[in-house]
Amino acid sequence: MVEVFVIHLPSQDKVEKAKEILNKVIEMAKEKKLQEGLKLKEVYFDEKNNVAFCKWEVDDVNKLMDAAKQLNIDWDIKLLVDPKQLYKKGLF
């Protein structure tokens, strides 16, 4: 499994659609209806800046991108695939 951070950057006119889709994905995760190999770990939304942050564990990044296409995500997203952790309290 690979850790993937997805940063959603919807424009002002797409914020409500983004929130709806994020809520749908959260419900799918709770009901264990996500595609096999996709595990949603955390979701954050910054109302002030209209930015969402999702933490996933996936077996294939392409599978995650295909799921995003199926949900009609049509705003900018940035993927951080298996980023190098520089610091975590308690590790040092």
C-alpha atoms as a PDB file:
ATOM      1  CA  MET A   1       0.000   0.000   0.000  1.00  0.00           C
ATOM      2  CA  VAL A   2       1.136   3.510  -0.840  1.00  0.00           C
ATOM      3  CA  GLU A   3       0.274   6.596   1.187  1.00  0.00           C
ATOM      4  CA  VAL A   4      -1.242   9.361  -0.950  1.00  0.00           C
ATOM      5  CA  PHE A   5      -2.214  12.859   0.096  1.00  0.00           C
ATOM      6  CA  VAL A   6      -4.724  14.571  -2.176  1.00  0.00           C
ATOM      7  CA  ILE A   7      -5.084  18.338  -1.982  1.00  0.00           C
ATOM      8  CA  HIS A   8      -8.317  19.622  -3.511  1.00  0.00           C
ATOM      9  CA  LEU A   9      -8.317  23.213  -4.753  1.00  0.00           C
ATOM     10  CA  PRO A  10     -11.851  23.980  -5.986  1.00  0.00           C
ATOM     11  CA  SER A  11     -12.609  27.421  -7.370  1.00  0.00           C
ATOM     12  CA  GLN A  12     -15.234  29.439  -5.490  1.00  0.00           C
ATOM     13  CA  ASP A  13     -17.991  28.351  -7.882  1.00  0.00           C
ATOM     14  CA  LYS A  14     -17.192  24.652  -7.287  1.00  0.00           C
ATOM     15  CA  VAL A  15     -16.854  24.659  -3.487  1.00  0.00           C
ATOM     16  CA  GLU A  16     -20.359  23.312  -2.829  1.00  0.00           C
ATOM     17  CA  LYS A  17     -19.917  20.540  -5.400  1.00  0.00           C
ATOM     18  CA  ALA A  18     -16.575  19.657  -3.788  1.00  0.00           C
ATOM     19  CA  LYS A  19     -18.168  19.445  -0.336  1.00  0.00           C
ATOM     20  CA  GLU A  20     -20.953  17.226  -1.684  1.00  0.00           C
ATOM     21  CA  ILE A  21     -18.492  14.847  -3.318  1.00  0.00           C
ATOM     22  CA  LEU A  22     -16.261  14.748  -0.235  1.00  0.00           C
ATOM     23  CA  ASN A  23     -19.274  13.917   1.932  1.00  0.00           C
ATOM     24  CA  LYS A  24     -20.269  11.177  -0.524  1.00  0.00           C
ATOM     25  CA  VAL A  25     -16.772   9.675  -0.379  1.00  0.00           C
ATOM     26  CA  ILE A  26     -16.781   9.841   3.432  1.00  0.00           C
ATOM     27  CA  GLU A  27     -20.111   7.995   3.518  1.00  0.00           C
ATOM     28  CA  MET A  28     -18.795   5.398   1.077  1.00  0.00           C
ATOM     29  CA  ALA A  29     -15.766   4.864   3.339  1.00  0.00           C
ATOM     30  CA  LYS A  30     -17.953   4.510   6.437  1.00  0.00           C
ATOM     31  CA  GLU A  31     -20.195   2.003   4.652  1.00  0.00           C
ATOM     32  CA  LYS A  32     -17.150   0.136   3.260  1.00  0.00           C
ATOM     33  CA  LYS A  33     -18.268   0.808  -0.310  1.00  0.00           C
ATOM     34  CA  LEU A  34     -14.983   2.149  -1.649  1.00  0.00           C
ATOM     35  CA  GLN A  35     -13.295   0.227  -4.403  1.00  0.00           C
ATOM     36  CA  GLU A  36     -11.015  -2.552  -3.179  1.00  0.00           C
ATOM     37  CA  GLY A  37      -7.490  -1.242  -2.670  1.00  0.00           C
ATOM     38  CA  LEU A  38      -8.624   2.273  -1.650  1.00  0.00           C
ATOM     39  CA  LYS A  39      -8.637   3.217   2.029  1.00  0.00           C
ATOM     40  CA  LEU A  40      -9.639   6.717   3.070  1.00  0.00           C
ATOM     41  CA  LYS A  41      -7.754   7.544   6.266  1.00  0.00           C
ATOM     42  CA  GLU A  42      -8.477  11.251   6.938  1.00  0.00           C
ATOM     43  CA  VAL A  43     -10.318  14.230   5.418  1.00  0.00           C
ATOM     44  CA  TYR A  44      -9.910  17.907   6.294  1.00  0.00           C
ATOM     45  CA  PHE A  45     -11.607  20.974   4.826  1.00  0.00           C
ATOM     46  CA  ASP A  46     -10.437  24.550   5.313  1.00  0.00           C
ATOM     47  CA  GLU A  47     -13.516  26.773   4.895  1.00  0.00           C
ATOM     48  CA  LYS A  48     -11.485  29.973   4.907  1.00  0.00           C
ATOM     49  CA  ASN A  49      -9.286  28.953   1.971  1.00  0.00           C
ATOM     50  CA  ASN A  50     -11.605  26.434   0.245  1.00  0.00           C
ATOM     51  CA  VAL A  51      -9.015  23.684   0.351  1.00  0.00           C
ATOM     52  CA  ALA A  52      -9.613  20.032   1.166  1.00  0.00           C
ATOM     53  CA  PHE A  53      -6.980  17.513   2.201  1.00  0.00           C
ATOM     54  CA  CYS A  54      -7.523  13.756   2.012  1.00  0.00           C
ATOM     55  CA  LYS A  55      -5.134  11.072   3.226  1.00  0.00           C
ATOM     56  CA  TRP A  56      -5.410   7.707   1.483  1.00  0.00           C
ATOM     57  CA  GLU A  57      -3.739   4.317   1.471  1.00  0.00           C
ATOM     58  CA  VAL A  58      -3.956   2.797  -1.991  1.00  0.00           C
ATOM     59  CA  ASP A  59      -2.548  -0.198  -3.769  1.00  0.00           C
ATOM     60  CA  ASP A  60      -2.511   1.690  -7.091  1.00  0.00           C
ATOM     61  CA  VAL A  61      -2.546   5.475  -7.577  1.00  0.00           C
ATOM     62  CA  ASN A  62      -4.192   5.040 -10.980  1.00  0.00           C
ATOM     63  CA  LYS A  63      -7.148   3.350  -9.310  1.00  0.00           C
ATOM     64  CA  LEU A  64      -7.576   6.429  -7.088  1.00  0.00           C
ATOM     65  CA  MET A  65      -7.437   8.743 -10.110  1.00  0.00           C
ATOM     66  CA  ASP A  66      -9.994   6.596 -11.956  1.00  0.00           C
ATOM     67  CA  ALA A  67     -12.316   6.870  -8.951  1.00  0.00           C
ATOM     68  CA  ALA A  68     -11.885  10.669  -9.007  1.00  0.00           C
ATOM     69  CA  LYS A  69     -12.873  10.734 -12.682  1.00  0.00           C
ATOM     70  CA  GLN A  70     -15.983   8.647 -11.955  1.00  0.00           C
ATOM     71  CA  LEU A  71     -17.008  11.186  -9.316  1.00  0.00           C
ATOM     72  CA  ASN A  72     -16.628  14.007 -11.879  1.00  0.00           C
ATOM     73  CA  ILE A  73     -14.001  15.898  -9.924  1.00  0.00           C
ATOM     74  CA  ASP A  74     -13.413  18.854 -12.211  1.00  0.00           C
ATOM     75  CA  TRP A  75     -11.260  21.168 -10.099  1.00  0.00           C
ATOM     76  CA  ASP A  76      -7.522  21.295  -9.490  1.00  0.00           C
ATOM     77  CA  ILE A  77      -6.046  18.562  -7.350  1.00  0.00           C
ATOM     78  CA  LYS A  78      -2.469  17.908  -6.302  1.00  0.00           C
ATOM     79  CA  LEU A  79      -1.209  14.428  -5.440  1.00  0.00           C
ATOM     80  CA  LEU A  80       1.606  13.728  -3.006  1.00  0.00           C
ATOM     81  CA  VAL A  81       2.470  10.078  -3.539  1.00  0.00           C
ATOM     82  CA  ASP A  82       4.345   8.390  -0.703  1.00  0.00           C
ATOM     83  CA  PRO A  83       5.930  11.664   0.459  1.00  0.00           C
ATOM     84  CA  LYS A  84       9.057  11.552   2.590  1.00  0.00           C
ATOM     85  CA  GLN A  85       8.214  12.296   6.213  1.00  0.00           C
ATOM     86  CA  LEU A  86      10.656  14.800   7.628  1.00  0.00           C
ATOM     87  CA  TYR A  87       9.389  14.962  11.199  1.00  0.00           C
ATOM     88  CA  LYS A  88       6.880  13.312  13.501  1.00  0.00           C
ATOM     89  CA  LYS A  89       6.729  14.033  17.197  1.00  0.00           C
ATOM     90  CA  GLY A  90       7.933  11.073  19.174  1.00  0.00           C
ATOM     91  CA  LEU A  91      10.159   9.650  16.462  1.00  0.00           C
ATOM     92  CA  PHE A  92      13.203  11.711  17.456  1.00  0.00           C
END
